[in-house]
């Protein structure tokens, strides 16, 4: 499945705004700027950022409060459900 299958816009994805290499803190710092973005773009950016940081190392020093944790959780779940809905309409 590619970005066209998911009906994402062809422009540069939000997650490409993260400097390379990026850390979990970089993802957390990007969240406020992503809040007003389209649903799917934001969800995919959050899932990408969380996966590419926590998927390699769970030891990132980060201070998560309940609101930020919930925002990350919802973003990942939104991306999963969005992909399923697009793949199996």
PDB file of N, CA and C in Angstrom:
ATOM      1  N   UNK A   1       0.850  -1.168   0.000  1.00  0.00           N
ATOM      2  CA  UNK A   1       0.000   0.000   0.000  1.00  0.00           C
ATOM      3  C   UNK A   1       0.897   1.233   0.000  1.00  0.00           C
ATOM      4  N   UNK A   2       0.622   2.183  -0.870  1.00  0.00           N
ATOM      5  CA  UNK A   2       1.404   3.413  -0.902  1.00  0.00           C
ATOM      6  C   UNK A   2       0.514   4.607  -0.559  1.00  0.00           C
ATOM      7  N   UNK A   3       1.101   5.800  -0.580  1.00  0.00           N
ATOM      8  CA  UNK A   3       0.346   6.987  -0.185  1.00  0.00           C
ATOM      9  C   UNK A   3      -0.833   7.265  -1.108  1.00  0.00           C
ATOM     10  N   UNK A   4      -0.744   6.860  -2.375  1.00  0.00           N
ATOM     11  CA  UNK A   4      -1.869   7.049  -3.291  1.00  0.00           C
ATOM     12  C   UNK A   4      -3.040   6.166  -2.882  1.00  0.00           C
ATOM     13  N   UNK A   5      -2.753   4.932  -2.466  1.00  0.00           N
ATOM     14  CA  UNK A   5      -3.807   4.041  -2.010  1.00  0.00           C
ATOM     15  C   UNK A   5      -4.544   4.614  -0.809  1.00  0.00           C
ATOM     16  N   UNK A   6      -3.814   5.345   0.016  1.00  0.00           N
ATOM     17  CA  UNK A   6      -4.410   5.918   1.224  1.00  0.00           C
ATOM     18  C   UNK A   6      -5.056   7.274   0.958  1.00  0.00           C
ATOM     19  N   UNK A   7      -4.972   7.741  -0.273  1.00  0.00           N
ATOM     20  CA  UNK A   7      -5.532   9.031  -0.675  1.00  0.00           C
ATOM     21  C   UNK A   7      -4.932  10.179   0.134  1.00  0.00           C
ATOM     22  N   UNK A   8      -3.638  10.094   0.395  1.00  0.00           N
ATOM     23  CA  UNK A   8      -2.932  11.192   1.048  1.00  0.00           C
ATOM     24  C   UNK A   8      -2.502  12.177  -0.026  1.00  0.00           C
ATOM     25  N   UNK A   9      -2.330  13.412   0.352  1.00  0.00           N
ATOM     26  CA  UNK A   9      -1.933  14.408  -0.636  1.00  0.00           C
ATOM     27  C   UNK A   9      -0.517  14.116  -1.127  1.00  0.00           C
ATOM     28  N   UNK A  10      -0.229  14.469  -2.376  1.00  0.00           N
ATOM     29  CA  UNK A  10       1.071  14.148  -2.970  1.00  0.00           C
ATOM     30  C   UNK A  10       2.212  15.067  -2.511  1.00  0.00           C
ATOM     31  N   UNK A  11       1.906  16.104  -1.753  1.00  0.00           N
ATOM     32  CA  UNK A  11       2.964  17.009  -1.311  1.00  0.00           C
ATOM     33  C   UNK A  11       3.865  16.318  -0.276  1.00  0.00           C
ATOM     34  N   UNK A  12       4.853  17.010   0.171  1.00  0.00           N
ATOM     35  CA  UNK A  12       5.776  16.459   1.160  1.00  0.00           C
ATOM     36  C   UNK A  12       5.016  16.133   2.436  1.00  0.00           C
ATOM     37  N   UNK A  13       5.098  14.891   2.903  1.00  0.00           N
ATOM     38  CA  UNK A  13       4.377  14.498   4.119  1.00  0.00           C
ATOM     39  C   UNK A  13       4.867  15.272   5.342  1.00  0.00           C
ATOM     40  N   UNK A  14       3.992  15.411   6.319  1.00  0.00           N
ATOM     41  CA  UNK A  14       4.347  16.120   7.547  1.00  0.00           C
ATOM     42  C   UNK A  14       5.593  15.548   8.206  1.00  0.00           C
ATOM     43  N   UNK A  15       5.708  14.227   8.210  1.00  0.00           N
ATOM     44  CA  UNK A  15       6.844  13.632   8.907  1.00  0.00           C
ATOM     45  C   UNK A  15       8.174  13.978   8.244  1.00  0.00           C
ATOM     46  N   UNK A  16       8.155  14.414   6.997  1.00  0.00           N
ATOM     47  CA  UNK A  16       9.396  14.848   6.356  1.00  0.00           C
ATOM     48  C   UNK A  16       9.873  16.188   6.890  1.00  0.00           C
ATOM     49  N   UNK A  17       9.068  16.844   7.699  1.00  0.00           N
ATOM     50  CA  UNK A  17       9.481  18.086   8.341  1.00  0.00           C
ATOM     51  C   UNK A  17      10.440  17.819   9.506  1.00  0.00           C
ATOM     52  N   UNK A  18      10.485  16.574   9.967  1.00  0.00           N
ATOM     53  CA  UNK A  18      11.399  16.218  11.047  1.00  0.00           C
ATOM     54  C   UNK A  18      12.818  16.144  10.492  1.00  0.00           C
ATOM     55  N   UNK A  19      13.768  16.752  11.213  1.00  0.00           N
ATOM     56  CA  UNK A  19      15.160  16.678  10.771  1.00  0.00           C
ATOM     57  C   UNK A  19      15.658  15.245  10.897  1.00  0.00           C
ATOM     58  N   UNK A  20      16.616  14.878  10.104  1.00  0.00           N
ATOM     59  CA  UNK A  20      17.156  13.522  10.133  1.00  0.00           C
ATOM     60  C   UNK A  20      18.519  13.524  10.783  1.00  0.00           C
ATOM     61  N   UNK A  21      18.872  12.603  11.608  1.00  0.00           N
ATOM     62  CA  UNK A  21      17.965  11.653  12.249  1.00  0.00           C
ATOM     63  C   UNK A  21      17.146  12.380  13.311  1.00  0.00           C
ATOM     64  N   UNK A  22      15.974  11.859  13.618  1.00  0.00           N
ATOM     65  CA  UNK A  22      15.127  12.511  14.605  1.00  0.00           C
ATOM     66  C   UNK A  22      14.944  11.627  15.825  1.00  0.00           C
ATOM     67  N   UNK A  23      14.597  12.284  16.911  1.00  0.00           N
ATOM     68  CA  UNK A  23      14.418  11.598  18.187  1.00  0.00           C
ATOM     69  C   UNK A  23      12.942  11.642  18.584  1.00  0.00           C
ATOM     70  N   UNK A  24      12.631  10.918  19.635  1.00  0.00           N
ATOM     71  CA  UNK A  24      11.272  10.927  20.162  1.00  0.00           C
ATOM     72  C   UNK A  24      10.876  12.335  20.597  1.00  0.00           C
ATOM     73  N   UNK A  25      11.814  13.077  21.187  1.00  0.00           N
ATOM     74  CA  UNK A  25      11.532  14.465  21.574  1.00  0.00           C
ATOM     75  C   UNK A  25      11.203  15.328  20.358  1.00  0.00           C
ATOM     76  N   UNK A  26      11.846  15.066  19.235  1.00  0.00           N
ATOM     77  CA  UNK A  26      11.526  15.810  18.009  1.00  0.00           C
ATOM     78  C   UNK A  26      10.076  15.581  17.604  1.00  0.00           C
ATOM     79  N   UNK A  27       9.605  14.347  17.744  1.00  0.00           N
ATOM     80  CA  UNK A  27       8.206  14.024  17.435  1.00  0.00           C
ATOM     81  C   UNK A  27       7.291  14.774  18.401  1.00  0.00           C
ATOM     82  N   UNK A  28       7.616  14.733  19.687  1.00  0.00           N
ATOM     83  CA  UNK A  28       6.799  15.426  20.684  1.00  0.00           C
ATOM     84  C   UNK A  28       6.768  16.931  20.411  1.00  0.00           C
ATOM     85  N   UNK A  29       7.891  17.496  20.026  1.00  0.00           N
ATOM     86  CA  UNK A  29       7.954  18.931  19.734  1.00  0.00           C
ATOM     87  C   UNK A  29       7.186  19.308  18.465  1.00  0.00           C
ATOM     88  N   UNK A  30       7.025  18.352  17.556  1.00  0.00           N
ATOM     89  CA  UNK A  30       6.293  18.608  16.306  1.00  0.00           C
ATOM     90  C   UNK A  30       4.779  18.548  16.494  1.00  0.00           C
ATOM     91  N   UNK A  31       4.317  17.878  17.542  1.00  0.00           N
ATOM     92  CA  UNK A  31       2.872  17.682  17.743  1.00  0.00           C
ATOM     93  C   UNK A  31       2.059  18.977  17.685  1.00  0.00           C
ATOM     94  N   UNK A  32       2.448  20.036  18.389  1.00  0.00           N
ATOM     95  CA  UNK A  32       1.622  21.253  18.328  1.00  0.00           C
ATOM     96  C   UNK A  32       1.458  21.797  16.908  1.00  0.00           C
ATOM     97  N   UNK A  33       2.497  21.716  16.086  1.00  0.00           N
ATOM     98  CA  UNK A  33       2.415  22.198  14.712  1.00  0.00           C
ATOM     99  C   UNK A  33       1.571  21.312  13.809  1.00  0.00           C
ATOM    100  N   UNK A  34       1.367  20.077  14.214  1.00  0.00           N
ATOM    101  CA  UNK A  34       0.588  19.140  13.411  1.00  0.00           C
ATOM    102  C   UNK A  34      -0.892  19.151  13.775  1.00  0.00           C
ATOM    103  N   UNK A  35      -1.265  19.800  14.842  1.00  0.00           N
ATOM    104  CA  UNK A  35      -2.647  19.728  15.339  1.00  0.00           C
ATOM    105  C   UNK A  35      -3.680  20.268  14.364  1.00  0.00           C
ATOM    106  N   UNK A  36      -3.353  21.246  13.583  1.00  0.00           N
ATOM    107  CA  UNK A  36      -4.325  21.814  12.651  1.00  0.00           C
ATOM    108  C   UNK A  36      -4.294  21.188  11.267  1.00  0.00           C
ATOM    109  N   UNK A  37      -3.505  20.159  11.107  1.00  0.00           N
ATOM    110  CA  UNK A  37      -3.340  19.542   9.796  1.00  0.00           C
ATOM    111  C   UNK A  37      -4.466  18.551   9.503  1.00  0.00           C
ATOM    112  N   UNK A  38      -4.636  18.192   8.232  1.00  0.00           N
ATOM    113  CA  UNK A  38      -5.680  17.221   7.883  1.00  0.00           C
ATOM    114  C   UNK A  38      -5.514  15.913   8.671  1.00  0.00           C
ATOM    115  N   UNK A  39      -6.640  15.314   8.980  1.00  0.00           N
ATOM    116  CA  UNK A  39      -6.704  14.110   9.811  1.00  0.00           C
ATOM    117  C   UNK A  39      -5.695  13.043   9.405  1.00  0.00           C
ATOM    118  N   UNK A  40      -5.741  12.604   8.144  1.00  0.00           N
ATOM    119  CA  UNK A  40      -4.890  11.496   7.695  1.00  0.00           C
ATOM    120  C   UNK A  40      -3.418  11.887   7.716  1.00  0.00           C
ATOM    121  N   UNK A  41      -3.100  13.094   7.277  1.00  0.00           N
ATOM    122  CA  UNK A  41      -1.711  13.555   7.269  1.00  0.00           C
ATOM    123  C   UNK A  41      -1.132  13.530   8.683  1.00  0.00           C
ATOM    124  N   UNK A  42      -1.911  14.030   9.616  1.00  0.00           N
ATOM    125  CA  UNK A  42      -1.475  14.090  11.010  1.00  0.00           C
ATOM    126  C   UNK A  42      -1.320  12.688  11.602  1.00  0.00           C
ATOM    127  N   UNK A  43      -2.294  11.842  11.357  1.00  0.00           N
ATOM    128  CA  UNK A  43      -2.264  10.483  11.895  1.00  0.00           C
ATOM    129  C   UNK A  43      -1.050   9.719  11.381  1.00  0.00           C
ATOM    130  N   UNK A  44      -0.786   9.800  10.087  1.00  0.00           N
ATOM    131  CA  UNK A  44       0.349   9.098   9.505  1.00  0.00           C
ATOM    132  C   UNK A  44       1.663   9.668  10.042  1.00  0.00           C
ATOM    133  N   UNK A  45       1.757  10.979  10.190  1.00  0.00           N
ATOM    134  CA  UNK A  45       2.977  11.588  10.722  1.00  0.00           C
ATOM    135  C   UNK A  45       3.245  11.119  12.151  1.00  0.00           C
ATOM    136  N   UNK A  46       2.208  11.065  12.980  1.00  0.00           N
ATOM    137  CA  UNK A  46       2.378  10.601  14.359  1.00  0.00           C
ATOM    138  C   UNK A  46       2.800   9.140  14.377  1.00  0.00           C
ATOM    139  N   UNK A  47       2.116   8.302  13.615  1.00  0.00           N
ATOM    140  CA  UNK A  47       2.459   6.875  13.588  1.00  0.00           C
ATOM    141  C   UNK A  47       3.884   6.669  13.081  1.00  0.00           C
ATOM    142  N   UNK A  48       4.251   7.385  12.048  1.00  0.00           N
ATOM    143  CA  UNK A  48       5.608   7.290  11.496  1.00  0.00           C
ATOM    144  C   UNK A  48       6.645   7.692  12.547  1.00  0.00           C
ATOM    145  N   UNK A  49       6.404   8.818  13.191  1.00  0.00           N
ATOM    146  CA  UNK A  49       7.352   9.312  14.186  1.00  0.00           C
ATOM    147  C   UNK A  49       7.489   8.385  15.380  1.00  0.00           C
ATOM    148  N   UNK A  50       6.368   7.898  15.885  1.00  0.00           N
ATOM    149  CA  UNK A  50       6.397   6.999  17.044  1.00  0.00           C
ATOM    150  C   UNK A  50       7.058   5.685  16.659  1.00  0.00           C
ATOM    151  N   UNK A  51       6.715   5.134  15.530  1.00  0.00           N
ATOM    152  CA  UNK A  51       7.285   3.854  15.108  1.00  0.00           C
ATOM    153  C   UNK A  51       8.795   3.952  14.882  1.00  0.00           C
ATOM    154  N   UNK A  52       9.226   5.027  14.224  1.00  0.00           N
ATOM    155  CA  UNK A  52      10.637   5.141  13.878  1.00  0.00           C
ATOM    156  C   UNK A  52      11.512   5.612  15.029  1.00  0.00           C
ATOM    157  N   UNK A  53      10.939   5.885  16.151  1.00  0.00           N
ATOM    158  CA  UNK A  53      11.741   6.181  17.343  1.00  0.00           C
ATOM    159  C   UNK A  53      11.571   5.065  18.365  1.00  0.00           C
ATOM    160  N   UNK A  54      10.356   4.825  18.806  1.00  0.00           N
ATOM    161  CA  UNK A  54      10.137   3.796  19.831  1.00  0.00           C
ATOM    162  C   UNK A  54      10.310   2.394  19.269  1.00  0.00           C
ATOM    163  N   UNK A  55      10.184   2.212  17.978  1.00  0.00           N
ATOM    164  CA  UNK A  55      10.375   0.903  17.370  1.00  0.00           C
ATOM    165  C   UNK A  55      11.822   0.442  17.417  1.00  0.00           C
ATOM    166  N   UNK A  56      12.735   1.377  17.607  1.00  0.00           N
ATOM    167  CA  UNK A  56      14.151   1.047  17.651  1.00  0.00           C
ATOM    168  C   UNK A  56      14.724   1.116  19.057  1.00  0.00           C
ATOM    169  N   UNK A  57      14.093   1.904  19.914  1.00  0.00           N
ATOM    170  CA  UNK A  57      14.638   2.087  21.255  1.00  0.00           C
ATOM    171  C   UNK A  57      13.536   2.619  22.165  1.00  0.00           C
ATOM    172  N   UNK A  58      13.232   1.913  23.214  1.00  0.00           N
ATOM    173  CA  UNK A  58      12.213   2.369  24.172  1.00  0.00           C
ATOM    174  C   UNK A  58      12.817   3.223  25.275  1.00  0.00           C
ATOM    175  N   UNK A  59      14.096   3.481  25.207  1.00  0.00           N
ATOM    176  CA  UNK A  59      14.775   4.212  26.272  1.00  0.00           C
ATOM    177  C   UNK A  59      14.902   5.704  26.048  1.00  0.00           C
ATOM    178  N   UNK A  60      14.058   6.282  25.184  1.00  0.00           N
ATOM    179  CA  UNK A  60      14.148   7.725  24.947  1.00  0.00           C
ATOM    180  C   UNK A  60      13.788   8.472  26.226  1.00  0.00           C
ATOM    181  N   UNK A  61      14.613   9.412  26.619  1.00  0.00           N
ATOM    182  CA  UNK A  61      14.265  10.218  27.795  1.00  0.00           C
ATOM    183  C   UNK A  61      13.210  11.255  27.400  1.00  0.00           C
ATOM    184  N   UNK A  62      11.997  11.043  27.828  1.00  0.00           N
ATOM    185  CA  UNK A  62      10.915  11.959  27.484  1.00  0.00           C
ATOM    186  C   UNK A  62       9.982  12.093  28.672  1.00  0.00           C
ATOM    187  N   UNK A  63       9.406  13.246  28.777  1.00  0.00           N
ATOM    188  CA  UNK A  63       8.463  13.506  29.843  1.00  0.00           C
ATOM    189  C   UNK A  63       7.068  13.597  29.226  1.00  0.00           C
ATOM    190  N   UNK A  64       6.330  12.497  29.323  1.00  0.00           N
ATOM    191  CA  UNK A  64       4.986  12.452  28.749  1.00  0.00           C
ATOM    192  C   UNK A  64       3.953  12.659  29.838  1.00  0.00           C
ATOM    193  N   UNK A  65       3.076  13.616  29.626  1.00  0.00           N
ATOM    194  CA  UNK A  65       1.937  13.716  30.529  1.00  0.00           C
ATOM    195  C   UNK A  65       0.769  12.979  29.870  1.00  0.00           C
ATOM    196  N   UNK A  66      -0.319  12.877  30.584  1.00  0.00           N
ATOM    197  CA  UNK A  66      -1.466  12.116  30.091  1.00  0.00           C
ATOM    198  C   UNK A  66      -1.990  12.655  28.761  1.00  0.00           C
ATOM    199  N   UNK A  67      -2.029  13.965  28.611  1.00  0.00           N
ATOM    200  CA  UNK A  67      -2.563  14.567  27.386  1.00  0.00           C
ATOM    201  C   UNK A  67      -1.699  14.225  26.168  1.00  0.00           C
ATOM    202  N   UNK A  68      -0.385  14.296  26.310  1.00  0.00           N
ATOM    203  CA  UNK A  68       0.511  13.992  25.193  1.00  0.00           C
ATOM    204  C   UNK A  68       0.452  12.502  24.869  1.00  0.00           C
ATOM    205  N   UNK A  69       0.446  11.662  25.908  1.00  0.00           N
ATOM    206  CA  UNK A  69       0.341  10.222  25.681  1.00  0.00           C
ATOM    207  C   UNK A  69      -0.952   9.906  24.915  1.00  0.00           C
ATOM    208  N   UNK A  70      -2.045  10.515  25.328  1.00  0.00           N
ATOM    209  CA  UNK A  70      -3.324  10.284  24.666  1.00  0.00           C
ATOM    210  C   UNK A  70      -3.288  10.763  23.215  1.00  0.00           C
ATOM    211  N   UNK A  71      -2.645  11.892  22.972  1.00  0.00           N
ATOM    212  CA  UNK A  71      -2.532  12.409  21.604  1.00  0.00           C
ATOM    213  C   UNK A  71      -1.729  11.440  20.721  1.00  0.00           C
ATOM    214  N   UNK A  72      -0.651  10.894  21.249  1.00  0.00           N
ATOM    215  CA  UNK A  72       0.142   9.918  20.502  1.00  0.00           C
ATOM    216  C   UNK A  72      -0.664   8.643  20.246  1.00  0.00           C
ATOM    217  N   UNK A  73      -1.308   8.156  21.290  1.00  0.00           N
ATOM    218  CA  UNK A  73      -2.110   6.942  21.179  1.00  0.00           C
ATOM    219  C   UNK A  73      -3.204   7.113  20.122  1.00  0.00           C
ATOM    220  N   UNK A  74      -3.937   8.198  20.213  1.00  0.00           N
ATOM    221  CA  UNK A  74      -5.019   8.438  19.255  1.00  0.00           C
ATOM    222  C   UNK A  74      -4.481   8.603  17.840  1.00  0.00           C
ATOM    223  N   UNK A  75      -3.330   9.253  17.691  1.00  0.00           N
ATOM    224  CA  UNK A  75      -2.737   9.417  16.365  1.00  0.00           C
ATOM    225  C   UNK A  75      -2.362   8.088  15.742  1.00  0.00           C
ATOM    226  N   UNK A  76      -1.766   7.195  16.537  1.00  0.00           N
ATOM    227  CA  UNK A  76      -1.393   5.876  16.023  1.00  0.00           C
ATOM    228  C   UNK A  76      -2.646   5.075  15.672  1.00  0.00           C
ATOM    229  N   UNK A  77      -3.628   5.087  16.556  1.00  0.00           N
ATOM    230  CA  UNK A  77      -4.867   4.354  16.275  1.00  0.00           C
ATOM    231  C   UNK A  77      -5.592   4.928  15.055  1.00  0.00           C
ATOM    232  N   UNK A  78      -5.612   6.245  14.925  1.00  0.00           N
ATOM    233  CA  UNK A  78      -6.225   6.876  13.753  1.00  0.00           C
ATOM    234  C   UNK A  78      -5.547   6.408  12.469  1.00  0.00           C
ATOM    235  N   UNK A  79      -4.210   6.324  12.475  1.00  0.00           N
ATOM    236  CA  UNK A  79      -3.482   5.885  11.284  1.00  0.00           C
ATOM    237  C   UNK A  79      -3.823   4.435  10.936  1.00  0.00           C
ATOM    238  N   UNK A  80      -3.883   3.583  11.944  1.00  0.00           N
ATOM    239  CA  UNK A  80      -4.210   2.176  11.711  1.00  0.00           C
ATOM    240  C   UNK A  80      -5.613   2.040  11.123  1.00  0.00           C
ATOM    241  N   UNK A  81      -6.570   2.686  11.761  1.00  0.00           N
ATOM    242  CA  UNK A  81      -7.958   2.575  11.305  1.00  0.00           C
ATOM    243  C   UNK A  81      -8.172   3.249   9.948  1.00  0.00           C
ATOM    244  N   UNK A  82      -7.465   4.352   9.701  1.00  0.00           N
ATOM    245  CA  UNK A  82      -7.540   5.034   8.403  1.00  0.00           C
ATOM    246  C   UNK A  82      -7.047   4.100   7.292  1.00  0.00           C
ATOM    247  N   UNK A  83      -5.909   3.435   7.532  1.00  0.00           N
ATOM    248  CA  UNK A  83      -5.362   2.528   6.530  1.00  0.00           C
ATOM    249  C   UNK A  83      -6.307   1.367   6.258  1.00  0.00           C
ATOM    250  N   UNK A  84      -6.902   0.806   7.310  1.00  0.00           N
ATOM    251  CA  UNK A  84      -7.859  -0.299   7.141  1.00  0.00           C
ATOM    252  C   UNK A  84      -9.073   0.167   6.353  1.00  0.00           C
ATOM    253  N   UNK A  85      -9.580   1.341   6.690  1.00  0.00           N
ATOM    254  CA  UNK A  85     -10.774   1.862   6.012  1.00  0.00           C
ATOM    255  C   UNK A  85     -10.498   2.129   4.542  1.00  0.00           C
ATOM    256  N   UNK A  86      -9.301   2.620   4.219  1.00  0.00           N
ATOM    257  CA  UNK A  86      -8.931   2.898   2.824  1.00  0.00           C
ATOM    258  C   UNK A  86      -8.705   1.606   2.046  1.00  0.00           C
ATOM    259  N   UNK A  87      -8.125   0.621   2.701  1.00  0.00           N
ATOM    260  CA  UNK A  87      -7.813  -0.642   2.030  1.00  0.00           C
ATOM    261  C   UNK A  87      -9.060  -1.490   1.821  1.00  0.00           C
ATOM    262  N   UNK A  88      -9.979  -1.443   2.768  1.00  0.00           N
ATOM    263  CA  UNK A  88     -11.199  -2.268   2.723  1.00  0.00           C
ATOM    264  C   UNK A  88     -12.438  -1.396   2.891  1.00  0.00           C
ATOM    265  N   UNK A  89     -12.740  -0.568   1.885  1.00  0.00           N
ATOM    266  CA  UNK A  89     -13.875   0.376   2.021  1.00  0.00           C
ATOM    267  C   UNK A  89     -15.228  -0.320   2.109  1.00  0.00           C
TER     268      UNK A  89
END
